[in-house]
Amino acid sequence: METNMETISSTIHALALSIDADGFGDDSLDLLVMAHAARDLGISEILVQVMIDDLEPEVARERAFAMVARLMASVSDLDSVVVDRTERTLAVAC
């Protein structure tokens, strides 16, 4: 599946505003779309799982969302995502 970065960028922006205002409540479908795109880009499965898991603490989900969004926004080529450092950073943050 080829990821349309313009669509993903607007989804990320809308999700960020919604999460800031209301938490993760009503945006599960958009969050799953973002998670699918993140996986397509090769972003850490651990980050993606924390971001979408309702059982994780809200602060951990917010941090994972921010890291996934940052990685997705920085991707200029679908093969250029580096995820190894991200997993260690999340472990320390939690």
PDB file of N, CA and C in Angstrom:
ATOM      1  N   MET A   1       0.838  -1.175   0.000  1.00  0.00           N
ATOM      2  CA  MET A   1       0.000   0.000   0.000  1.00  0.00           C
ATOM      3  C   MET A   1       0.885   1.241   0.000  1.00  0.00           C
ATOM      4  N   GLU A   2       0.662   2.143  -0.896  1.00  0.00           N
ATOM      5  CA  GLU A   2       1.414   3.385  -0.929  1.00  0.00           C
ATOM      6  C   GLU A   2       0.715   4.405  -0.037  1.00  0.00           C
ATOM      7  N   THR A   3       1.501   5.080   0.775  1.00  0.00           N
ATOM      8  CA  THR A   3       0.950   6.028   1.734  1.00  0.00           C
ATOM      9  C   THR A   3       0.952   7.429   1.154  1.00  0.00           C
ATOM     10  N   ASN A   4      -0.203   8.078   1.152  1.00  0.00           N
ATOM     11  CA  ASN A   4      -0.309   9.454   0.701  1.00  0.00           C
ATOM     12  C   ASN A   4       0.062  10.350   1.877  1.00  0.00           C
ATOM     13  N   MET A   5       1.266  10.944   1.831  1.00  0.00           N
ATOM     14  CA  MET A   5       1.775  11.714   2.958  1.00  0.00           C
ATOM     15  C   MET A   5       0.954  12.975   3.236  1.00  0.00           C
ATOM     16  N   GLU A   6       0.342  13.552   2.209  1.00  0.00           N
ATOM     17  CA  GLU A   6      -0.484  14.744   2.426  1.00  0.00           C
ATOM     18  C   GLU A   6      -1.719  14.400   3.262  1.00  0.00           C
ATOM     19  N   THR A   7      -2.358  13.290   2.940  1.00  0.00           N
ATOM     20  CA  THR A   7      -3.521  12.838   3.700  1.00  0.00           C
ATOM     21  C   THR A   7      -3.125  12.488   5.126  1.00  0.00           C
ATOM     22  N   ILE A   8      -2.017  11.777   5.269  1.00  0.00           N
ATOM     23  CA  ILE A   8      -1.541  11.389   6.595  1.00  0.00           C
ATOM     24  C   ILE A   8      -1.209  12.624   7.421  1.00  0.00           C
ATOM     25  N   SER A   9      -0.579  13.607   6.808  1.00  0.00           N
ATOM     26  CA  SER A   9      -0.220  14.836   7.512  1.00  0.00           C
ATOM     27  C   SER A   9      -1.457  15.544   8.060  1.00  0.00           C
ATOM     28  N   SER A  10      -2.512  15.628   7.266  1.00  0.00           N
ATOM     29  CA  SER A  10      -3.723  16.290   7.761  1.00  0.00           C
ATOM     30  C   SER A  10      -4.419  15.440   8.824  1.00  0.00           C
ATOM     31  N   THR A  11      -4.346  14.113   8.719  1.00  0.00           N
ATOM     32  CA  THR A  11      -4.902  13.229   9.747  1.00  0.00           C
ATOM     33  C   THR A  11      -4.160  13.420  11.062  1.00  0.00           C
ATOM     34  N   ILE A  12      -2.824  13.478  10.992  1.00  0.00           N
ATOM     35  CA  ILE A  12      -2.014  13.683  12.195  1.00  0.00           C
ATOM     36  C   ILE A  12      -2.370  15.014  12.850  1.00  0.00           C
ATOM     37  N   HIS A  13      -2.478  16.048  12.044  1.00  0.00           N
ATOM     38  CA  HIS A  13      -2.792  17.378  12.580  1.00  0.00           C
ATOM     39  C   HIS A  13      -4.165  17.378  13.270  1.00  0.00           C
ATOM     40  N   ALA A  14      -5.157  16.807  12.614  1.00  0.00           N
ATOM     41  CA  ALA A  14      -6.504  16.752  13.194  1.00  0.00           C
ATOM     42  C   ALA A  14      -6.513  15.928  14.482  1.00  0.00           C
ATOM     43  N   LEU A  15      -5.797  14.801  14.478  1.00  0.00           N
ATOM     44  CA  LEU A  15      -5.722  13.971  15.679  1.00  0.00           C
ATOM     45  C   LEU A  15      -5.040  14.713  16.822  1.00  0.00           C
ATOM     46  N   ALA A  16      -3.963  15.411  16.519  1.00  0.00           N
ATOM     47  CA  ALA A  16      -3.235  16.147  17.556  1.00  0.00           C
ATOM     48  C   ALA A  16      -4.142  17.177  18.226  1.00  0.00           C
ATOM     49  N   LEU A  17      -4.908  17.893  17.425  1.00  0.00           N
ATOM     50  CA  LEU A  17      -5.834  18.886  17.984  1.00  0.00           C
ATOM     51  C   LEU A  17      -6.903  18.219  18.848  1.00  0.00           C
ATOM     52  N   SER A  18      -7.436  17.108  18.369  1.00  0.00           N
ATOM     53  CA  SER A  18      -8.480  16.396  19.098  1.00  0.00           C
ATOM     54  C   SER A  18      -7.953  15.801  20.404  1.00  0.00           C
ATOM     55  N   ILE A  19      -6.763  15.194  20.348  1.00  0.00           N
ATOM     56  CA  ILE A  19      -6.162  14.607  21.549  1.00  0.00           C
ATOM     57  C   ILE A  19      -5.865  15.698  22.569  1.00  0.00           C
ATOM     58  N   ASP A  20      -5.384  16.833  22.089  1.00  0.00           N
ATOM     59  CA  ASP A  20      -5.100  17.953  22.989  1.00  0.00           C
ATOM     60  C   ASP A  20      -6.375  18.431  23.686  1.00  0.00           C
ATOM     61  N   ALA A  21      -7.464  18.476  22.957  1.00  0.00           N
ATOM     62  CA  ALA A  21      -8.724  18.981  23.515  1.00  0.00           C
ATOM     63  C   ALA A  21      -9.453  17.952  24.379  1.00  0.00           C
ATOM     64  N   ASP A  22      -9.516  16.689  23.914  1.00  0.00           N
ATOM     65  CA  ASP A  22     -10.385  15.699  24.559  1.00  0.00           C
ATOM     66  C   ASP A  22      -9.721  14.375  24.912  1.00  0.00           C
ATOM     67  N   GLY A  23      -8.432  14.244  24.751  1.00  0.00           N
ATOM     68  CA  GLY A  23      -7.784  12.960  24.970  1.00  0.00           C
ATOM     69  C   GLY A  23      -8.023  12.031  23.786  1.00  0.00           C
ATOM     70  N   PHE A  24      -7.899  10.734  24.003  1.00  0.00           N
ATOM     71  CA  PHE A  24      -7.991   9.757  22.917  1.00  0.00           C
ATOM     72  C   PHE A  24      -9.405   9.248  22.666  1.00  0.00           C
ATOM     73  N   GLY A  25     -10.401   9.819  23.308  1.00  0.00           N
ATOM     74  CA  GLY A  25     -11.769   9.336  23.278  1.00  0.00           C
ATOM     75  C   GLY A  25     -12.386   8.941  21.961  1.00  0.00           C
ATOM     76  N   ASP A  26     -12.653   9.868  21.070  1.00  0.00           N
ATOM     77  CA  ASP A  26     -13.521   9.606  19.920  1.00  0.00           C
ATOM     78  C   ASP A  26     -12.809   9.391  18.590  1.00  0.00           C
ATOM     79  N   ASP A  27     -11.513   9.257  18.596  1.00  0.00           N
ATOM     80  CA  ASP A  27     -10.769   9.235  17.338  1.00  0.00           C
ATOM     81  C   ASP A  27     -10.141   7.883  17.026  1.00  0.00           C
ATOM     82  N   SER A  28     -10.752   6.808  17.472  1.00  0.00           N
ATOM     83  CA  SER A  28     -10.121   5.503  17.304  1.00  0.00           C
ATOM     84  C   SER A  28      -9.931   5.123  15.838  1.00  0.00           C
ATOM     85  N   LEU A  29     -10.874   5.453  14.971  1.00  0.00           N
ATOM     86  CA  LEU A  29     -10.724   5.109  13.556  1.00  0.00           C
ATOM     87  C   LEU A  29      -9.560   5.869  12.930  1.00  0.00           C
ATOM     88  N   ASP A  30      -9.478   7.178  13.160  1.00  0.00           N
ATOM     89  CA  ASP A  30      -8.359   7.959  12.629  1.00  0.00           C
ATOM     90  C   ASP A  30      -7.033   7.493  13.210  1.00  0.00           C
ATOM     91  N   LEU A  31      -7.030   7.115  14.477  1.00  0.00           N
ATOM     92  CA  LEU A  31      -5.815   6.625  15.110  1.00  0.00           C
ATOM     93  C   LEU A  31      -5.373   5.310  14.473  1.00  0.00           C
ATOM     94  N   LEU A  32      -6.328   4.439  14.148  1.00  0.00           N
ATOM     95  CA  LEU A  32      -5.989   3.180  13.482  1.00  0.00           C
ATOM     96  C   LEU A  32      -5.468   3.415  12.065  1.00  0.00           C
ATOM     97  N   VAL A  33      -6.022   4.402  11.367  1.00  0.00           N
ATOM     98  CA  VAL A  33      -5.515   4.762  10.034  1.00  0.00           C
ATOM     99  C   VAL A  33      -4.074   5.239  10.153  1.00  0.00           C
ATOM    100  N   MET A  34      -3.812   6.088  11.146  1.00  0.00           N
ATOM    101  CA  MET A  34      -2.450   6.573  11.361  1.00  0.00           C
ATOM    102  C   MET A  34      -1.515   5.420  11.717  1.00  0.00           C
ATOM    103  N   ALA A  35      -1.978   4.507  12.567  1.00  0.00           N
ATOM    104  CA  ALA A  35      -1.163   3.357  12.960  1.00  0.00           C
ATOM    105  C   ALA A  35      -0.823   2.496  11.749  1.00  0.00           C
ATOM    106  N   HIS A  36      -1.794   2.273  10.885  1.00  0.00           N
ATOM    107  CA  HIS A  36      -1.562   1.479   9.673  1.00  0.00           C
ATOM    108  C   HIS A  36      -0.508   2.151   8.786  1.00  0.00           C
ATOM    109  N   ALA A  37      -0.631   3.455   8.610  1.00  0.00           N
ATOM    110  CA  ALA A  37       0.341   4.194   7.794  1.00  0.00           C
ATOM    111  C   ALA A  37       1.725   4.156   8.437  1.00  0.00           C
ATOM    112  N   ALA A  38       1.779   4.265   9.764  1.00  0.00           N
ATOM    113  CA  ALA A  38       3.067   4.216  10.465  1.00  0.00           C
ATOM    114  C   ALA A  38       3.736   2.860  10.263  1.00  0.00           C
ATOM    115  N   ARG A  39       2.949   1.801  10.347  1.00  0.00           N
ATOM    116  CA  ARG A  39       3.502   0.463  10.104  1.00  0.00           C
ATOM    117  C   ARG A  39       4.006   0.333   8.669  1.00  0.00           C
ATOM    118  N   ASP A  40       3.254   0.884   7.720  1.00  0.00           N
ATOM    119  CA  ASP A  40       3.692   0.857   6.319  1.00  0.00           C
ATOM    120  C   ASP A  40       5.030   1.565   6.136  1.00  0.00           C
ATOM    121  N   LEU A  41       5.268   2.583   6.942  1.00  0.00           N
ATOM    122  CA  LEU A  41       6.513   3.347   6.849  1.00  0.00           C
ATOM    123  C   LEU A  41       7.653   2.703   7.630  1.00  0.00           C
ATOM    124  N   GLY A  42       7.364   1.638   8.352  1.00  0.00           N
ATOM    125  CA  GLY A  42       8.401   0.937   9.095  1.00  0.00           C
ATOM    126  C   GLY A  42       8.681   1.510  10.472  1.00  0.00           C
ATOM    127  N   ILE A  43       7.777   2.292  10.984  1.00  0.00           N
ATOM    128  CA  ILE A  43       7.958   2.879  12.314  1.00  0.00           C
ATOM    129  C   ILE A  43       7.744   1.795  13.369  1.00  0.00           C
ATOM    130  N   SER A  44       8.473   1.909  14.445  1.00  0.00           N
ATOM    131  CA  SER A  44       8.494   0.927  15.524  1.00  0.00           C
ATOM    132  C   SER A  44       7.107   0.409  15.902  1.00  0.00           C
ATOM    133  N   GLU A  45       6.972  -0.902  15.887  1.00  0.00           N
ATOM    134  CA  GLU A  45       5.710  -1.538  16.269  1.00  0.00           C
ATOM    135  C   GLU A  45       5.379  -1.257  17.736  1.00  0.00           C
ATOM    136  N   ILE A  46       6.403  -1.158  18.570  1.00  0.00           N
ATOM    137  CA  ILE A  46       6.172  -0.868  19.989  1.00  0.00           C
ATOM    138  C   ILE A  46       5.521   0.501  20.154  1.00  0.00           C
ATOM    139  N   LEU A  47       6.046   1.504  19.456  1.00  0.00           N
ATOM    140  CA  LEU A  47       5.453   2.841  19.526  1.00  0.00           C
ATOM    141  C   LEU A  47       4.010   2.830  19.049  1.00  0.00           C
ATOM    142  N   VAL A  48       3.780   2.153  17.942  1.00  0.00           N
ATOM    143  CA  VAL A  48       2.430   2.110  17.369  1.00  0.00           C
ATOM    144  C   VAL A  48       1.472   1.411  18.330  1.00  0.00           C
ATOM    145  N   GLN A  49       1.901   0.294  18.911  1.00  0.00           N
ATOM    146  CA  GLN A  49       1.034  -0.445  19.839  1.00  0.00           C
ATOM    147  C   GLN A  49       0.686   0.380  21.073  1.00  0.00           C
ATOM    148  N   VAL A  50       1.675   1.069  21.641  1.00  0.00           N
ATOM    149  CA  VAL A  50       1.405   1.909  22.815  1.00  0.00           C
ATOM    150  C   VAL A  50       0.414   3.009  22.445  1.00  0.00           C
ATOM    151  N   MET A  51       0.598   3.600  21.267  1.00  0.00           N
ATOM    152  CA  MET A  51      -0.260   4.696  20.822  1.00  0.00           C
ATOM    153  C   MET A  51      -1.730   4.277  20.719  1.00  0.00           C
ATOM    154  N   ILE A  52      -2.005   3.055  20.278  1.00  0.00           N
ATOM    155  CA  ILE A  52      -3.390   2.637  20.035  1.00  0.00           C
ATOM    156  C   ILE A  52      -4.002   1.804  21.163  1.00  0.00           C
ATOM    157  N   ASP A  53      -3.208   1.437  22.165  1.00  0.00           N
ATOM    158  CA  ASP A  53      -3.686   0.554  23.231  1.00  0.00           C
ATOM    159  C   ASP A  53      -4.446   1.336  24.308  1.00  0.00           C
ATOM    160  N   ASP A  54      -5.742   1.090  24.420  1.00  0.00           N
ATOM    161  CA  ASP A  54      -6.585   1.772  25.410  1.00  0.00           C
ATOM    162  C   ASP A  54      -6.183   1.471  26.853  1.00  0.00           C
ATOM    163  N   LEU A  55      -5.453   0.376  27.068  1.00  0.00           N
ATOM    164  CA  LEU A  55      -5.062   0.001  28.425  1.00  0.00           C
ATOM    165  C   LEU A  55      -3.787   0.699  28.893  1.00  0.00           C
ATOM    166  N   GLU A  56      -3.068   1.331  27.977  1.00  0.00           N
ATOM    167  CA  GLU A  56      -1.852   2.066  28.344  1.00  0.00           C
ATOM    168  C   GLU A  56      -2.235   3.385  29.019  1.00  0.00           C
ATOM    169  N   PRO A  57      -1.372   3.873  29.922  1.00  0.00           N
ATOM    170  CA  PRO A  57      -1.645   5.184  30.533  1.00  0.00           C
ATOM    171  C   PRO A  57      -1.713   6.274  29.461  1.00  0.00           C
ATOM    172  N   GLU A  58      -2.575   7.242  29.676  1.00  0.00           N
ATOM    173  CA  GLU A  58      -2.776   8.309  28.688  1.00  0.00           C
ATOM    174  C   GLU A  58      -1.471   9.026  28.353  1.00  0.00           C
ATOM    175  N   VAL A  59      -0.641   9.285  29.363  1.00  0.00           N
ATOM    176  CA  VAL A  59       0.610  10.003  29.103  1.00  0.00           C
ATOM    177  C   VAL A  59       1.535   9.182  28.202  1.00  0.00           C
ATOM    178  N   ALA A  60       1.565   7.871  28.373  1.00  0.00           N
ATOM    179  CA  ALA A  60       2.386   7.019  27.510  1.00  0.00           C
ATOM    180  C   ALA A  60       1.853   7.045  26.079  1.00  0.00           C
ATOM    181  N   ARG A  61       0.533   7.013  25.939  1.00  0.00           N
ATOM    182  CA  ARG A  61      -0.074   7.075  24.603  1.00  0.00           C
ATOM    183  C   ARG A  61       0.215   8.410  23.935  1.00  0.00           C
ATOM    184  N   GLU A  62       0.146   9.498  24.706  1.00  0.00           N
ATOM    185  CA  GLU A  62       0.438  10.820  24.145  1.00  0.00           C
ATOM    186  C   GLU A  62       1.885  10.910  23.675  1.00  0.00           C
ATOM    187  N   ARG A  63       2.804  10.385  24.482  1.00  0.00           N
ATOM    188  CA  ARG A  63       4.222  10.400  24.093  1.00  0.00           C
ATOM    189  C   ARG A  63       4.454   9.545  22.855  1.00  0.00           C
ATOM    190  N   ALA A  64       3.829   8.379  22.815  1.00  0.00           N
ATOM    191  CA  ALA A  64       3.976   7.516  21.640  1.00  0.00           C
ATOM    192  C   ALA A  64       3.397   8.199  20.406  1.00  0.00           C
ATOM    193  N   PHE A  65       2.231   8.826  20.549  1.00  0.00           N
ATOM    194  CA  PHE A  65       1.628   9.555  19.433  1.00  0.00           C
ATOM    195  C   PHE A  65       2.581  10.630  18.928  1.00  0.00           C
ATOM    196  N   ALA A  66       3.159  11.399  19.850  1.00  0.00           N
ATOM    197  CA  ALA A  66       4.072  12.475  19.457  1.00  0.00           C
ATOM    198  C   ALA A  66       5.287  11.932  18.714  1.00  0.00           C
ATOM    199  N   MET A  67       5.826  10.821  19.183  1.00  0.00           N
ATOM    200  CA  MET A  67       7.009  10.248  18.531  1.00  0.00           C
ATOM    201  C   MET A  67       6.659   9.678  17.161  1.00  0.00           C
ATOM    202  N   VAL A  68       5.531   8.985  17.076  1.00  0.00           N
ATOM    203  CA  VAL A  68       5.102   8.442  15.779  1.00  0.00           C
ATOM    204  C   VAL A  68       4.834   9.585  14.802  1.00  0.00           C
ATOM    205  N   ALA A  69       4.144  10.614  15.265  1.00  0.00           N
ATOM    206  CA  ALA A  69       3.847  11.762  14.400  1.00  0.00           C
ATOM    207  C   ALA A  69       5.132  12.428  13.918  1.00  0.00           C
ATOM    208  N   ARG A  70       6.097  12.596  14.823  1.00  0.00           N
ATOM    209  CA  ARG A  70       7.367  13.219  14.448  1.00  0.00           C
ATOM    210  C   ARG A  70       8.098  12.383  13.407  1.00  0.00           C
ATOM    211  N   LEU A  71       8.141  11.080  13.629  1.00  0.00           N
ATOM    212  CA  LEU A  71       8.818  10.205  12.669  1.00  0.00           C
ATOM    213  C   LEU A  71       8.118  10.215  11.316  1.00  0.00           C
ATOM    214  N   MET A  72       6.795  10.188  11.341  1.00  0.00           N
ATOM    215  CA  MET A  72       6.054  10.204  10.074  1.00  0.00           C
ATOM    216  C   MET A  72       6.261  11.520   9.337  1.00  0.00           C
ATOM    217  N   ALA A  73       6.277  12.621  10.081  1.00  0.00           N
ATOM    218  CA  ALA A  73       6.453  13.933   9.454  1.00  0.00           C
ATOM    219  C   ALA A  73       7.846  14.100   8.876  1.00  0.00           C
ATOM    220  N   SER A  74       8.821  13.420   9.454  1.00  0.00           N
ATOM    221  CA  SER A  74      10.196  13.584   8.988  1.00  0.00           C
ATOM    222  C   SER A  74      10.544  12.676   7.816  1.00  0.00           C
ATOM    223  N   VAL A  75       9.645  11.777   7.471  1.00  0.00           N
ATOM    224  CA  VAL A  75       9.919  10.837   6.390  1.00  0.00           C
ATOM    225  C   VAL A  75       9.786  11.541   5.041  1.00  0.00           C
ATOM    226  N   SER A  76      10.882  11.569   4.309  1.00  0.00           N
ATOM    227  CA  SER A  76      10.808  12.117   2.954  1.00  0.00           C
ATOM    228  C   SER A  76      10.827  10.993   1.933  1.00  0.00           C
ATOM    229  N   ASP A  77      11.302   9.832   2.369  1.00  0.00           N
ATOM    230  CA  ASP A  77      11.356   8.658   1.509  1.00  0.00           C
ATOM    231  C   ASP A  77      10.821   7.495   2.336  1.00  0.00           C
ATOM    232  N   LEU A  78       9.960   6.666   1.779  1.00  0.00           N
ATOM    233  CA  LEU A  78       9.324   5.585   2.538  1.00  0.00           C
ATOM    234  C   LEU A  78      10.316   4.621   3.166  1.00  0.00           C
ATOM    235  N   ASP A  79      11.556   4.572   2.687  1.00  0.00           N
ATOM    236  CA  ASP A  79      12.540   3.627   3.210  1.00  0.00           C
ATOM    237  C   ASP A  79      13.515   4.265   4.190  1.00  0.00           C
ATOM    238  N   SER A  80      13.279   5.491   4.634  1.00  0.00           N
ATOM    239  CA  SER A  80      14.307   6.192   5.400  1.00  0.00           C
ATOM    240  C   SER A  80      14.007   6.354   6.886  1.00  0.00           C
ATOM    241  N   VAL A  81      13.117   5.568   7.448  1.00  0.00           N
ATOM    242  CA  VAL A  81      12.790   5.721   8.864  1.00  0.00           C
ATOM    243  C   VAL A  81      13.757   4.904   9.713  1.00  0.00           C
ATOM    244  N   VAL A  82      14.315   5.540  10.728  1.00  0.00           N
ATOM    245  CA  VAL A  82      15.181   4.851  11.676  1.00  0.00           C
ATOM    246  C   VAL A  82      14.389   4.674  12.958  1.00  0.00           C
ATOM    247  N   VAL A  83      14.254   3.428  13.428  1.00  0.00           N
ATOM    248  CA  VAL A  83      13.386   3.192  14.582  1.00  0.00           C
ATOM    249  C   VAL A  83      14.123   2.685  15.810  1.00  0.00           C
ATOM    250  N   ASP A  84      15.341   2.246  15.703  1.00  0.00           N
ATOM    251  CA  ASP A  84      16.041   1.630  16.823  1.00  0.00           C
ATOM    252  C   ASP A  84      16.151   2.584  18.010  1.00  0.00           C
ATOM    253  N   ARG A  85      16.583   3.799  17.804  1.00  0.00           N
ATOM    254  CA  ARG A  85      16.739   4.781  18.872  1.00  0.00           C
ATOM    255  C   ARG A  85      15.385   5.123  19.500  1.00  0.00           C
ATOM    256  N   THR A  86      14.343   5.130  18.720  1.00  0.00           N
ATOM    257  CA  THR A  86      13.014   5.485  19.201  1.00  0.00           C
ATOM    258  C   THR A  86      12.545   4.524  20.294  1.00  0.00           C
ATOM    259  N   GLU A  87      12.757   3.240  20.119  1.00  0.00           N
ATOM    260  CA  GLU A  87      12.310   2.263  21.104  1.00  0.00           C
ATOM    261  C   GLU A  87      12.993   2.495  22.446  1.00  0.00           C
ATOM    262  N   ARG A  88      14.296   2.784  22.435  1.00  0.00           N
ATOM    263  CA  ARG A  88      15.007   3.045  23.684  1.00  0.00           C
ATOM    264  C   ARG A  88      14.506   4.329  24.334  1.00  0.00           C
ATOM    265  N   THR A  89      14.223   5.339  23.545  1.00  0.00           N
ATOM    266  CA  THR A  89      13.736   6.606  24.081  1.00  0.00           C
ATOM    267  C   THR A  89      12.390   6.418  24.771  1.00  0.00           C
ATOM    268  N   LEU A  90      11.493   5.652  24.166  1.00  0.00           N
ATOM    269  CA  LEU A  90      10.179   5.420  24.765  1.00  0.00           C
ATOM    270  C   LEU A  90      10.321   4.659  26.079  1.00  0.00           C
ATOM    271  N   ALA A  91      11.204   3.660  26.111  1.00  0.00           N
ATOM    272  CA  ALA A  91      11.386   2.882  27.325  1.00  0.00           C
ATOM    273  C   ALA A  91      11.853   3.772  28.473  1.00  0.00           C
ATOM    274  N   VAL A  92      12.747   4.699  28.199  1.00  0.00           N
ATOM    275  CA  VAL A  92      13.233   5.603  29.229  1.00  0.00           C
ATOM    276  C   VAL A  92      12.128   6.566  29.656  1.00  0.00           C
ATOM    277  N   ALA A  93      11.333   7.045  28.701  1.00  0.00           N
ATOM    278  CA  ALA A  93      10.281   8.020  28.991  1.00  0.00           C
ATOM    279  C   ALA A  93       9.184   7.431  29.870  1.00  0.00           C
ATOM    280  N   CYS A  94       8.932   6.137  29.736  1.00  0.00           N
ATOM    281  CA  CYS A  94       7.858   5.518  30.515  1.00  0.00           C
ATOM    282  C   CYS A  94       8.391   5.132  31.856  1.00  0.00           C
TER     283      CYS A  94
END
